[in-house]
Amino acid sequence: MLTKNLIECNRDYIIKYFHSGEKERKDFRLGMELEHFVLHKDTYRAVSYYEKEGIEDILKELISLSWKGIYEGENLIGLKGKNANITLEPGGQLELSVFPELTVTGIELTYQDFLNDIKPILKDRNMCLLAMGYQPVSQIKDIPLLPKERYRYMYQYFKQTGKYAHNMMKGTASLQLNLDYRNEKDFIKKMSVAYYLSPLVYKIFDNSPVFEGSIYNRKGSIRSLIWDNCDFKRCNLDRLIFADDFAYDSYADFILNMPPIIIKRNDCLLYTANKITNEIYSDDQLHTDEVEHLLSMVFPDVRAKKYIELRAADALPYPYNLAYIVFWKGLLYNKRNLELLYKEFKAINYDDFLDIKEKIRNHGLNVEIYGETLLNKFSGLLELAVNGLGIEEREYLFPLYRLLERKVTIKELLFKDGLDSKLDLSNCIL
């Protein structure tokens, strides 16, 4: 009886945690997390955390520019800044997490400040920063794992899951957008619409022309393939999103029935392997820091915290990264657009979604979805986004009109004359 009561209490605690994230519409903000590759400029090979003048030394030099160090033991693993933090992903990918802003202009200013700080440091080392979805030259076997205990346990766990789990950890880079929600109904609509549109995002915002050192010139997104072959249960919300009762409580159940891989106990990490959260905490009450950790250990295309994370896009270079943010703001922060798209979502079922997802992955922009071509669908979404934005924000969408006019994905812009021609990475070097 005690165990049952605790399980119910933990479920209720997660639900209350989601309620605590609710905000008034006037307080809605935008958050951006953008991962980058640090590369040797002459070879485009990955710069290691451990090498001389490598990632750790770059972080140390940034400390002299008012950034403050974050350490695990003696290892420098991140930085705190005034308007953003810098963290490191398992393969040394450098992630800039911009604190939530009311406008995309605030995000742009913070991002430019970051570039102004780091680019001279990299130039002195003959290195560069690349915003792309997958390592352009180095293979994951040649990239050492970052010295973080969390990553060591995850790497061990993922040996038993999908074949591309380690590629996900050490080879990928993404652009993540964080959005607020008003209440549970708004949460449901934004989660559902973002998930419904995620296959389109994988395609249009595909920025991964290389996989494990070889040109990846297939129609589909390598990011989509990697995440479907990482840890399917942990990365997939298809059935949950399309269930009639999707809400705070069903997402809480998703978390409680997932192996968390590791848990926090007395400021230490414990490896829990395949035990699910309900089993681990059958005799323990969850607390806020534990809930936040558990929520971070699932990786669906759209993830819930005290805000909603949109996670389907590859890392994108400026100004496409800002265009992506404004695109979603126009769709999901405009009440009329959200209602219209949620109605579209409700008109399809789980099997329809899987069919469309497979079509988009295996065909080009002229594939027919929902009675129109993918390209036309994107055009319609872009028009909705424009109408959902203020005049001053609409100019950020101009780069997306370039894609539409040329009838290409972002990846295809990197090839001089089609997917079988020469690859040019210059547009992704910051």
Protein backbone atom coordinates (compact mmCIF):
# COMPACT_ATOMS: atom_id res chain seq x y z
CA MET A 1 0.00 0.00 0.00
CA LEU A 2 2.86 2.34 0.84
CA THR A 3 4.47 1.73 -2.55
CA LYS A 4 1.21 2.42 -4.39
CA ASN A 5 0.70 5.66 -2.48
CA LEU A 6 4.23 6.81 -3.24
CA ILE A 7 3.87 6.03 -6.94
CA GLU A 8 0.69 8.10 -7.03
CA CYS A 9 2.38 10.89 -5.07
CA ASN A 10 5.30 10.95 -7.49
CA ARG A 11 2.94 11.07 -10.44
CA ASP A 12 1.06 13.95 -8.85
CA TYR A 13 4.33 15.73 -8.12
CA ILE A 14 5.36 15.65 -11.79
CA ILE A 15 1.92 16.91 -12.81
CA LYS A 16 2.22 19.78 -10.32
CA TYR A 17 5.67 20.50 -11.74
CA PHE A 18 4.13 20.99 -15.20
CA HIS A 19 1.45 23.24 -13.70
CA SER A 20 4.19 25.34 -12.10
CA GLY A 21 5.56 26.11 -15.57
CA GLU A 22 2.36 27.79 -16.76
CA LYS A 23 2.72 31.47 -17.74
CA GLU A 24 0.48 34.33 -18.76
CA ARG A 25 0.57 35.00 -22.50
CA LYS A 26 2.21 38.39 -21.95
CA ASP A 27 5.11 36.61 -20.27
CA PHE A 28 5.78 34.10 -23.08
CA ARG A 29 9.44 33.97 -23.99
CA LEU A 30 11.73 32.26 -26.48
CA GLY A 31 14.77 30.21 -25.55
CA MET A 32 17.42 28.87 -27.93
CA GLU A 33 19.98 26.11 -27.48
CA LEU A 34 22.35 25.82 -30.42
CA GLU A 35 25.11 23.23 -30.66
CA HIS A 36 28.28 23.81 -32.70
CA PHE A 37 31.26 21.77 -33.83
CA VAL A 38 34.71 23.17 -33.11
CA LEU A 39 36.95 22.12 -36.00
CA HIS A 40 40.49 22.46 -37.28
CA LYS A 41 40.07 24.92 -40.11
CA ASP A 42 42.46 23.25 -42.55
CA THR A 43 40.98 19.74 -42.26
CA TYR A 44 37.49 20.20 -40.73
CA ARG A 45 38.38 17.49 -38.23
CA ALA A 46 36.92 17.70 -34.74
CA VAL A 47 38.90 19.52 -32.08
CA SER A 48 39.21 17.29 -29.02
CA TYR A 49 38.46 18.32 -25.47
CA TYR A 50 41.78 16.87 -24.42
CA GLU A 51 44.24 18.10 -27.05
CA LYS A 52 46.59 21.05 -26.59
CA GLU A 53 44.65 24.28 -27.16
CA GLY A 54 41.56 22.09 -27.46
CA ILE A 55 38.02 22.53 -26.15
CA GLU A 56 38.97 22.81 -22.48
CA ASP A 57 41.64 25.42 -23.22
CA ILE A 58 39.18 27.40 -25.33
CA LEU A 59 36.77 27.46 -22.38
CA LYS A 60 39.60 28.62 -20.10
CA GLU A 61 40.34 31.53 -22.43
CA LEU A 62 36.67 32.52 -22.45
CA ILE A 63 36.82 32.82 -18.66
CA SER A 64 39.10 35.83 -19.17
CA LEU A 65 36.18 37.47 -21.04
CA SER A 66 33.82 37.47 -18.02
CA TRP A 67 32.47 33.91 -18.44
CA LYS A 68 32.53 31.82 -15.23
CA GLY A 69 33.64 28.20 -15.14
CA ILE A 70 31.50 25.14 -14.43
CA TYR A 71 33.53 22.17 -13.19
CA GLU A 72 33.08 18.46 -12.59
CA GLY A 73 35.97 17.55 -10.35
CA GLU A 74 38.99 19.23 -11.89
CA ASN A 75 37.53 19.24 -15.40
CA LEU A 76 36.15 22.46 -16.86
CA ILE A 77 32.93 21.33 -18.57
CA GLY A 78 30.99 24.55 -19.16
CA LEU A 79 30.63 28.27 -18.60
CA LYS A 80 28.09 30.63 -17.09
CA GLY A 81 27.48 33.96 -18.78
CA LYS A 82 25.32 37.03 -18.27
CA ASN A 83 22.65 36.07 -20.82
CA ALA A 84 23.63 32.51 -21.76
CA ASN A 85 25.48 29.40 -20.64
CA ILE A 86 27.92 27.24 -22.56
CA THR A 87 27.79 23.48 -22.06
CA LEU A 88 29.50 20.57 -23.77
CA GLU A 89 27.85 17.58 -25.40
CA PRO A 90 29.39 14.06 -25.26
CA GLY A 91 31.64 14.49 -28.32
CA GLY A 92 32.78 17.98 -27.38
CA GLN A 93 29.99 19.78 -29.26
CA LEU A 94 29.75 23.28 -27.85
CA GLU A 95 26.21 24.30 -26.93
CA LEU A 96 25.14 27.89 -26.33
CA SER A 97 21.98 28.06 -24.20
CA VAL A 98 20.47 31.53 -24.49
CA PHE A 99 18.33 32.56 -21.55
CA PRO A 100 14.66 33.09 -22.46
CA GLU A 101 13.96 36.41 -24.20
CA LEU A 102 10.76 38.25 -25.04
CA THR A 103 11.95 38.88 -28.59
CA VAL A 104 14.18 37.16 -31.12
CA THR A 105 16.23 40.37 -31.25
CA GLY A 106 17.38 39.67 -27.70
CA ILE A 107 18.47 36.17 -28.76
CA GLU A 108 20.29 37.60 -31.76
CA LEU A 109 22.25 40.09 -29.64
CA THR A 110 23.30 37.41 -27.16
CA TYR A 111 24.34 35.08 -29.97
CA GLN A 112 26.41 37.78 -31.65
CA ASP A 113 28.12 38.55 -28.33
CA PHE A 114 29.04 34.88 -28.02
CA LEU A 115 30.45 34.80 -31.56
CA ASN A 116 32.41 38.00 -30.89
CA ASP A 117 33.97 36.34 -27.85
CA ILE A 118 34.85 32.95 -29.33
CA LYS A 119 35.74 33.64 -32.96
CA PRO A 120 39.01 35.52 -32.24
CA ILE A 121 40.07 32.70 -29.90
CA LEU A 122 39.44 30.12 -32.61
CA LYS A 123 41.10 32.22 -35.31
CA ASP A 124 44.33 32.34 -33.27
CA ARG A 125 44.29 28.53 -33.18
CA ASN A 126 43.41 28.11 -36.88
CA MET A 127 40.07 26.65 -35.81
CA CYS A 128 36.47 27.43 -36.72
CA LEU A 129 32.94 27.03 -35.46
CA LEU A 130 30.52 25.05 -37.62
CA ALA A 131 26.72 24.99 -37.30
CA MET A 132 25.72 21.77 -39.05
CA GLY A 133 23.82 18.62 -38.09
CA TYR A 134 26.64 16.06 -38.19
CA GLN A 135 30.41 16.02 -37.97
CA PRO A 136 31.72 16.80 -41.48
CA VAL A 137 34.93 14.70 -41.39
CA SER A 138 35.64 12.95 -38.08
CA GLN A 139 34.00 9.62 -37.33
CA ILE A 140 32.68 8.89 -33.86
CA LYS A 141 35.31 6.19 -33.23
CA ASP A 142 37.93 8.94 -33.42
CA ILE A 143 36.13 11.35 -31.09
CA PRO A 144 36.86 10.81 -27.36
CA LEU A 145 33.99 10.96 -24.91
CA LEU A 146 33.83 14.07 -22.77
CA PRO A 147 34.93 13.55 -19.12
CA LYS A 148 31.45 13.79 -17.59
CA GLU A 149 30.15 10.97 -15.43
CA ARG A 150 26.65 11.35 -16.90
CA TYR A 151 27.95 10.73 -20.42
CA ARG A 152 29.99 7.72 -19.36
CA TYR A 153 26.89 6.00 -17.96
CA MET A 154 24.78 6.97 -20.98
CA TYR A 155 27.42 5.61 -23.35
CA GLN A 156 27.41 2.32 -21.44
CA TYR A 157 23.60 2.10 -21.47
CA PHE A 158 23.27 2.89 -25.16
CA LYS A 159 25.43 -0.07 -26.12
CA GLN A 160 22.26 -2.17 -25.76
CA THR A 161 19.82 0.11 -27.63
CA GLY A 162 19.69 1.42 -31.21
CA LYS A 163 22.59 1.13 -33.62
CA TYR A 164 22.97 4.91 -33.93
CA ALA A 165 22.81 5.81 -30.23
CA HIS A 166 26.53 6.57 -30.02
CA ASN A 167 26.30 8.55 -33.25
CA MET A 168 23.61 10.64 -31.57
CA MET A 169 25.87 11.31 -28.61
CA LYS A 170 29.14 12.15 -30.34
CA GLY A 171 28.27 13.00 -33.94
CA THR A 172 25.17 15.20 -33.98
CA ALA A 173 24.47 18.87 -33.34
CA SER A 174 21.03 20.45 -33.07
CA LEU A 175 19.04 23.65 -32.73
CA GLN A 176 16.51 23.52 -29.93
CA LEU A 177 13.73 26.04 -29.34
CA ASN A 178 12.05 26.45 -25.96
CA LEU A 179 8.48 27.80 -25.79
CA ASP A 180 6.11 28.61 -22.93
CA TYR A 181 2.54 27.40 -22.39
CA ARG A 182 -0.45 29.07 -20.77
CA ASN A 183 -2.18 26.06 -19.17
CA GLU A 184 -2.72 22.35 -19.72
CA LYS A 185 -4.92 22.87 -22.79
CA ASP A 186 -2.31 25.15 -24.35
CA PHE A 187 0.40 22.63 -23.45
CA ILE A 188 -1.53 19.84 -25.21
CA LYS A 189 -2.07 21.90 -28.34
CA LYS A 190 1.53 23.10 -28.64
CA MET A 191 3.01 19.67 -27.94
CA SER A 192 0.64 18.05 -30.44
CA VAL A 193 1.12 20.57 -33.25
CA ALA A 194 4.90 20.63 -32.86
CA TYR A 195 4.99 16.84 -32.97
CA TYR A 196 2.61 16.73 -35.94
CA LEU A 197 4.92 19.05 -37.90
CA SER A 198 8.20 17.43 -36.79
CA PRO A 199 8.61 15.23 -39.93
CA LEU A 200 8.39 18.36 -42.05
CA VAL A 201 10.97 20.08 -39.84
CA TYR A 202 13.35 17.13 -40.24
CA LYS A 203 13.08 17.53 -44.01
CA ILE A 204 13.07 21.30 -44.60
CA PHE A 205 15.64 22.07 -41.91
CA ASP A 206 17.86 19.10 -42.73
CA ASN A 207 21.44 20.36 -42.48
CA SER A 208 23.39 17.09 -42.42
CA PRO A 209 25.12 16.50 -45.77
CA VAL A 210 27.72 14.15 -44.25
CA PHE A 211 27.51 10.97 -42.18
CA GLU A 212 30.60 9.30 -40.75
CA GLY A 213 32.94 11.02 -43.20
CA SER A 214 30.93 10.27 -46.35
CA ILE A 215 28.53 12.47 -48.30
CA TYR A 216 24.93 11.70 -47.33
CA ASN A 217 23.01 12.71 -50.43
CA ARG A 218 19.83 10.71 -49.87
CA LYS A 219 16.46 12.41 -49.77
CA GLY A 220 15.80 11.67 -46.11
CA SER A 221 17.17 13.36 -43.01
CA ILE A 222 20.02 11.53 -41.30
CA ARG A 223 18.95 13.15 -38.02
CA SER A 224 15.54 11.50 -38.27
CA LEU A 225 17.16 8.13 -38.96
CA ILE A 226 19.62 8.50 -36.07
CA TRP A 227 16.96 9.40 -33.51
CA ASP A 228 14.67 6.57 -34.60
CA ASN A 229 17.61 4.21 -34.09
CA CYS A 230 18.87 5.57 -30.79
CA ASP A 231 16.53 4.27 -28.09
CA PHE A 232 13.09 4.02 -29.65
CA LYS A 233 11.03 3.97 -26.46
CA ARG A 234 12.94 6.92 -24.99
CA CYS A 235 12.81 8.99 -28.19
CA ASN A 236 9.28 8.29 -29.44
CA LEU A 237 5.99 9.88 -28.41
CA ASP A 238 3.92 8.85 -31.46
CA ARG A 239 1.31 6.76 -29.64
CA LEU A 240 1.21 9.03 -26.61
CA ILE A 241 0.64 12.22 -28.62
CA PHE A 242 -2.11 10.65 -30.72
CA ALA A 243 -3.96 9.17 -27.75
CA ASP A 244 -7.25 10.87 -26.87
CA ASP A 245 -6.15 11.40 -23.28
CA PHE A 246 -2.74 13.01 -23.87
CA ALA A 247 -2.13 15.53 -21.08
CA TYR A 248 0.16 16.30 -18.13
CA ASP A 249 -0.67 12.99 -16.47
CA SER A 250 0.10 10.79 -19.49
CA TYR A 251 3.47 12.52 -19.97
CA ALA A 252 4.16 11.93 -16.27
CA ASP A 253 3.41 8.22 -16.82
CA PHE A 254 5.79 8.25 -19.78
CA ILE A 255 8.56 9.49 -17.48
CA LEU A 256 7.75 7.15 -14.59
CA ASN A 257 7.77 4.06 -16.81
CA MET A 258 11.11 4.90 -18.45
CA PRO A 259 14.54 3.68 -17.32
CA PRO A 260 16.27 6.92 -16.33
CA ILE A 261 19.74 5.34 -16.87
CA ILE A 262 21.12 7.33 -13.96
CA ILE A 263 19.64 9.04 -10.91
CA LYS A 264 20.88 11.63 -8.46
CA ARG A 265 21.41 10.59 -4.85
CA ASN A 266 23.12 12.91 -2.37
CA ASP A 267 24.69 14.91 -5.22
CA CYS A 268 26.06 11.70 -6.75
CA LEU A 269 25.03 9.85 -9.90
CA LEU A 270 24.03 6.19 -9.66
CA TYR A 271 23.75 3.94 -12.70
CA THR A 272 20.33 2.27 -12.72
CA ALA A 273 20.53 0.36 -16.05
CA ASN A 274 17.11 -0.96 -17.13
CA LYS A 275 15.14 -0.27 -13.96
CA ILE A 276 12.20 2.04 -14.58
CA THR A 277 11.65 5.17 -12.50
CA ASN A 278 8.59 3.80 -10.67
CA GLU A 279 10.64 0.83 -9.51
CA ILE A 280 13.60 2.96 -8.43
CA TYR A 281 11.44 5.43 -6.50
CA SER A 282 8.91 2.92 -5.14
CA ASP A 283 9.93 3.88 -1.60
CA ASP A 284 11.10 7.44 -2.19
CA GLN A 285 9.35 10.75 -2.76
CA LEU A 286 10.56 12.68 -5.80
CA HIS A 287 11.86 16.23 -5.38
CA THR A 288 12.20 19.03 -7.90
CA ASP A 289 15.84 18.47 -8.84
CA GLU A 290 15.14 14.76 -9.38
CA VAL A 291 12.12 15.50 -11.57
CA GLU A 292 14.16 17.92 -13.67
CA HIS A 293 16.83 15.27 -14.12
CA LEU A 294 14.28 12.60 -15.10
CA LEU A 295 12.68 14.91 -17.66
CA SER A 296 16.08 15.51 -19.23
CA MET A 297 16.68 11.78 -19.74
CA VAL A 298 14.06 11.28 -22.47
CA PHE A 299 14.70 12.51 -26.02
CA PRO A 300 11.53 12.80 -28.12
CA ASP A 301 11.19 15.34 -30.94
CA VAL A 302 9.11 17.49 -28.59
CA ARG A 303 9.93 17.36 -24.90
CA ALA A 304 8.13 18.71 -21.82
CA LYS A 305 9.69 20.53 -18.89
CA LYS A 306 8.49 23.82 -17.40
CA TYR A 307 8.46 24.80 -21.04
CA ILE A 308 8.17 22.91 -24.32
CA GLU A 309 11.34 21.95 -26.20
CA LEU A 310 11.24 21.56 -29.98
CA ARG A 311 14.12 19.25 -30.86
CA ALA A 312 13.75 18.06 -34.47
CA ALA A 313 16.04 20.55 -36.24
CA ASP A 314 19.71 20.15 -37.07
CA ALA A 315 22.09 22.88 -35.96
CA LEU A 316 21.59 25.81 -38.33
CA PRO A 317 23.89 28.72 -39.20
CA TYR A 318 22.97 32.36 -38.82
CA PRO A 319 20.51 33.70 -40.01
CA TYR A 320 18.62 30.41 -40.56
CA ASN A 321 18.70 29.70 -36.82
CA LEU A 322 16.77 32.91 -36.11
CA ALA A 323 14.41 32.27 -39.02
CA TYR A 324 13.60 28.87 -37.51
CA ILE A 325 12.78 30.43 -34.15
CA VAL A 326 10.54 33.12 -35.64
CA PHE A 327 8.83 30.53 -37.86
CA TRP A 328 7.70 28.61 -34.80
CA LYS A 329 6.80 31.76 -32.87
CA GLY A 330 4.46 32.79 -35.67
CA LEU A 331 2.80 29.38 -35.64
CA LEU A 332 2.55 28.50 -31.95
CA TYR A 333 2.43 31.86 -30.15
CA ASN A 334 -0.39 33.10 -32.39
CA LYS A 335 -3.68 31.84 -30.96
CA ARG A 336 -5.47 31.64 -34.32
CA ASN A 337 -2.66 29.72 -35.99
CA LEU A 338 -2.35 27.31 -33.08
CA GLU A 339 -6.06 26.54 -33.16
CA LEU A 340 -6.00 26.02 -36.94
CA LEU A 341 -3.01 23.66 -36.80
CA TYR A 342 -4.40 21.76 -33.82
CA LYS A 343 -7.58 21.18 -35.82
CA GLU A 344 -5.39 19.73 -38.62
CA PHE A 345 -3.66 17.50 -36.10
CA LYS A 346 -6.95 16.20 -34.72
CA ALA A 347 -8.11 15.29 -38.24
CA ILE A 348 -5.42 12.60 -38.60
CA ASN A 349 -4.75 9.44 -36.64
CA TYR A 350 -1.67 7.57 -35.51
CA ASP A 351 -1.47 5.39 -38.65
CA ASP A 352 -1.85 8.45 -40.92
CA PHE A 353 1.03 10.12 -39.12
CA LEU A 354 3.32 7.11 -39.47
CA ASP A 355 2.52 6.89 -43.17
CA ILE A 356 3.29 10.58 -43.74
CA LYS A 357 6.45 10.34 -41.66
CA GLU A 358 7.73 7.49 -43.84
CA LYS A 359 6.82 9.28 -47.07
CA ILE A 360 8.64 12.44 -46.05
CA ARG A 361 11.73 10.51 -45.05
CA ASN A 362 12.01 8.60 -48.33
CA HIS A 363 11.00 11.19 -50.92
CA GLY A 364 11.76 14.73 -52.04
CA LEU A 365 9.91 17.99 -51.45
CA ASN A 366 7.25 17.13 -54.04
CA VAL A 367 5.98 14.14 -52.06
CA GLU A 368 2.23 14.45 -51.44
CA ILE A 369 1.12 14.76 -47.83
CA TYR A 370 -2.33 15.65 -46.55
CA GLY A 371 -3.52 16.23 -50.14
CA GLU A 372 -0.74 18.62 -51.20
CA THR A 373 2.99 18.55 -51.81
CA LEU A 374 5.37 18.97 -48.89
CA LEU A 375 6.69 22.13 -50.53
CA ASN A 376 3.21 23.60 -50.74
CA LYS A 377 2.56 22.65 -47.13
CA PHE A 378 5.70 24.50 -46.08
CA SER A 379 4.62 27.51 -48.16
CA GLY A 380 1.28 27.55 -46.37
CA LEU A 381 2.93 27.29 -42.96
CA LEU A 382 5.27 30.13 -43.83
CA GLU A 383 2.30 32.30 -44.78
CA LEU A 384 0.62 31.47 -41.48
CA ALA A 385 3.81 32.34 -39.60
CA VAL A 386 4.07 35.71 -41.36
CA ASN A 387 0.47 36.55 -40.47
CA GLY A 388 1.09 35.55 -36.86
CA LEU A 389 4.01 37.93 -36.36
CA GLY A 390 4.55 41.63 -35.91
CA ILE A 391 5.98 43.59 -38.84
CA GLU A 392 9.41 43.95 -37.21
CA GLU A 393 9.77 40.15 -36.84
CA ARG A 394 8.71 39.14 -40.32
CA GLU A 395 12.06 40.08 -41.86
CA TYR A 396 13.68 37.23 -39.95
CA LEU A 397 11.76 34.82 -42.18
CA PHE A 398 13.41 36.02 -45.40
CA PRO A 399 15.98 33.14 -45.45
CA LEU A 400 13.11 30.64 -45.50
CA TYR A 401 11.65 32.26 -48.59
CA ARG A 402 14.99 31.54 -50.25
CA LEU A 403 14.46 27.83 -49.58
CA LEU A 404 10.93 28.04 -50.92
CA GLU A 405 11.92 29.90 -54.10
CA ARG A 406 14.75 27.50 -54.86
CA LYS A 407 12.69 24.46 -53.82
CA VAL A 408 15.48 23.05 -51.68
CA THR A 409 16.21 22.01 -48.11
CA ILE A 410 18.95 23.72 -46.12
CA LYS A 411 21.24 20.74 -46.81
CA GLU A 412 20.83 21.18 -50.55
CA LEU A 413 22.08 24.77 -50.31
CA LEU A 414 25.47 23.32 -49.38
CA PHE A 415 25.84 21.57 -52.73
CA LYS A 416 26.85 23.67 -55.72
CA ASP A 417 24.58 21.90 -58.20
CA GLY A 418 22.38 19.22 -56.66
CA LEU A 419 23.04 16.48 -54.12
CA ASP A 420 25.58 14.71 -56.35
CA SER A 421 27.77 17.80 -56.81
CA LYS A 422 30.58 19.28 -54.74
CA LEU A 423 29.88 20.08 -51.09
CA ASP A 424 30.66 23.60 -49.83
CA LEU A 425 30.59 24.07 -46.04
CA SER A 426 31.38 27.79 -46.09
CA ASN A 427 27.77 28.80 -45.43
CA CYS A 428 27.82 26.90 -42.12
CA ILE A 429 31.10 28.33 -40.83
CA LEU A 430 30.39 31.13 -38.39
